[in-house]
Amino acid sequence: PARFQCAGGAGAWTLSSGQALRSSDTDDLADVIGIRLENMQLVEGGEGDNVLRGVVKDAIFLGPYTTYVIDIEGDTIAVNSVSADLEVGAAAAVKVSPDDVRCLRGWLAHLSH
């Protein structure tokens, strides 16, 4: 899963990049959020709630889908897509549902490797 350092609470989180995510999980003591790879989706435009904006650092064609490695201002994530056609260096937007954002406490996040 992708993991991001965060601050906030009550389901509203600010990542170290300054970008915001909302979560249905409301553990106010959390300092890390996690998102499973299959719960992230590349979208066009990059507008709206729970959209992270970044830059494509690598694109790996794997037959039926392509894995895009995306830099979100210092955090790196990988997103699979069967339909996107992005070049390295292109802007990318990744959407995630608030129901798929999991809040973890830092010490617990290290146990889930």
Protein backbone atom coordinates (compact mmCIF):
# COMPACT_ATOMS: atom_id res chain seq x y z
CA PRO A 1 0.00 0.00 0.00
CA ALA A 2 0.95 3.65 -0.38
CA ARG A 3 1.71 5.33 2.95
CA PHE A 4 1.75 9.05 3.61
CA GLN A 5 2.77 11.02 6.69
CA CYS A 6 -0.14 13.24 7.65
CA ALA A 7 -1.56 15.64 10.18
CA GLY A 8 -5.15 16.33 11.03
CA GLY A 9 -8.04 14.40 12.43
CA ALA A 10 -11.78 13.79 12.29
CA GLY A 11 -11.40 12.39 8.77
CA ALA A 12 -9.58 15.41 7.28
CA TRP A 13 -5.87 14.92 6.63
CA THR A 14 -3.11 17.12 5.25
CA LEU A 15 -0.15 15.31 3.68
CA SER A 16 3.43 16.53 3.97
CA SER A 17 3.01 17.86 0.40
CA GLY A 18 0.19 20.13 1.61
CA GLN A 19 -2.42 18.19 -0.37
CA ALA A 20 -5.59 17.17 1.47
CA LEU A 21 -7.42 13.86 1.72
CA ARG A 22 -10.66 12.99 3.46
CA SER A 23 -11.21 9.66 5.15
CA SER A 24 -14.19 7.79 6.55
CA ASP A 25 -11.73 6.50 9.17
CA THR A 26 -11.50 9.11 11.92
CA ASP A 27 -8.69 8.00 14.26
CA ASP A 28 -7.52 11.38 15.59
CA LEU A 29 -4.26 9.86 16.88
CA ALA A 30 -3.19 8.67 13.43
CA ASP A 31 -0.10 10.18 11.82
CA VAL A 32 0.10 7.91 8.77
CA ILE A 33 -2.54 7.10 6.18
CA GLY A 34 -2.46 4.06 3.93
CA ILE A 35 -4.16 3.39 0.61
CA ARG A 36 -4.13 0.02 -1.16
CA LEU A 37 -2.82 0.08 -4.74
CA GLU A 38 -6.03 -1.27 -6.22
CA ASN A 39 -8.03 1.53 -4.58
CA MET A 40 -6.23 4.33 -6.44
CA GLN A 41 -7.43 5.44 -9.87
CA LEU A 42 -5.81 7.74 -12.43
CA VAL A 43 -8.22 10.49 -13.48
CA GLU A 44 -8.11 13.33 -15.99
CA GLY A 45 -8.10 16.93 -14.86
CA GLY A 46 -7.03 16.54 -11.27
CA GLU A 47 -9.93 18.53 -9.84
CA GLY A 48 -12.25 17.51 -7.01
CA ASP A 49 -12.08 15.94 -3.60
CA ASN A 50 -9.55 13.26 -2.69
CA VAL A 51 -7.41 13.80 -5.76
CA LEU A 52 -3.63 13.77 -5.36
CA ARG A 53 -1.63 15.60 -8.00
CA GLY A 54 1.87 14.60 -9.04
CA VAL A 55 4.25 13.84 -11.91
CA VAL A 56 4.82 10.54 -13.73
CA LYS A 57 8.37 9.35 -12.99
CA ASP A 58 8.16 6.00 -14.78
CA ALA A 59 5.71 3.98 -16.86
CA ILE A 60 6.06 0.19 -16.91
CA PHE A 61 4.03 -1.65 -19.55
CA LEU A 62 2.91 -5.02 -18.17
CA GLY A 63 0.68 -6.42 -20.92
CA PRO A 64 -2.95 -5.79 -19.98
CA TYR A 65 -2.10 -2.74 -17.88
CA THR A 66 0.61 -0.17 -17.24
CA THR A 67 2.03 0.66 -13.81
CA TYR A 68 2.73 4.36 -13.41
CA VAL A 69 5.21 5.49 -10.76
CA ILE A 70 4.05 8.91 -9.61
CA ASP A 71 5.88 11.45 -7.45
CA ILE A 72 3.45 13.29 -5.15
CA GLU A 73 5.83 16.05 -4.03
CA GLY A 74 8.29 13.70 -2.34
CA ASP A 75 6.03 10.69 -1.78
CA THR A 76 6.18 8.00 -4.47
CA ILE A 77 3.21 5.80 -5.34
CA ALA A 78 2.46 3.22 -8.02
CA VAL A 79 -0.90 3.12 -9.81
CA ASN A 80 -2.08 0.53 -12.34
CA SER A 81 -4.17 1.57 -15.33
CA VAL A 82 -5.62 -0.27 -18.31
CA SER A 83 -6.64 2.91 -20.16
CA ALA A 84 -4.31 5.81 -19.30
CA ASP A 85 -1.58 6.79 -21.75
CA LEU A 86 0.79 9.05 -19.84
CA GLU A 87 4.36 9.98 -20.70
CA VAL A 88 7.18 10.27 -18.18
CA GLY A 89 7.17 13.87 -16.92
CA ALA A 90 3.43 14.34 -17.48
CA ALA A 91 1.13 15.67 -14.78
CA ALA A 92 -0.96 12.94 -13.16
CA ALA A 93 -3.97 12.93 -10.87
CA VAL A 94 -4.89 10.03 -8.61
CA LYS A 95 -8.32 9.73 -7.03
CA VAL A 96 -9.19 7.66 -3.98
CA SER A 97 -12.49 7.20 -2.16
CA PRO A 98 -12.64 8.40 1.47
CA ASP A 99 -13.76 4.84 2.33
CA ASP A 100 -10.40 3.50 1.08
CA VAL A 101 -8.15 5.82 3.12
CA ARG A 102 -6.97 3.98 6.25
CA CYS A 103 -5.61 5.86 9.25
CA LEU A 104 -2.69 4.30 11.11
CA ARG A 105 -0.66 5.34 14.08
CA GLY A 106 3.03 5.57 13.22
CA TRP A 107 4.11 2.61 15.33
CA LEU A 108 1.32 0.47 13.85
CA ALA A 109 2.20 1.43 10.28
CA HIS A 110 5.67 -0.07 10.73
CA LEU A 111 4.15 -3.42 11.75
CA SER A 112 2.12 -3.72 8.56
CA HIS A 113 5.13 -3.97 6.17
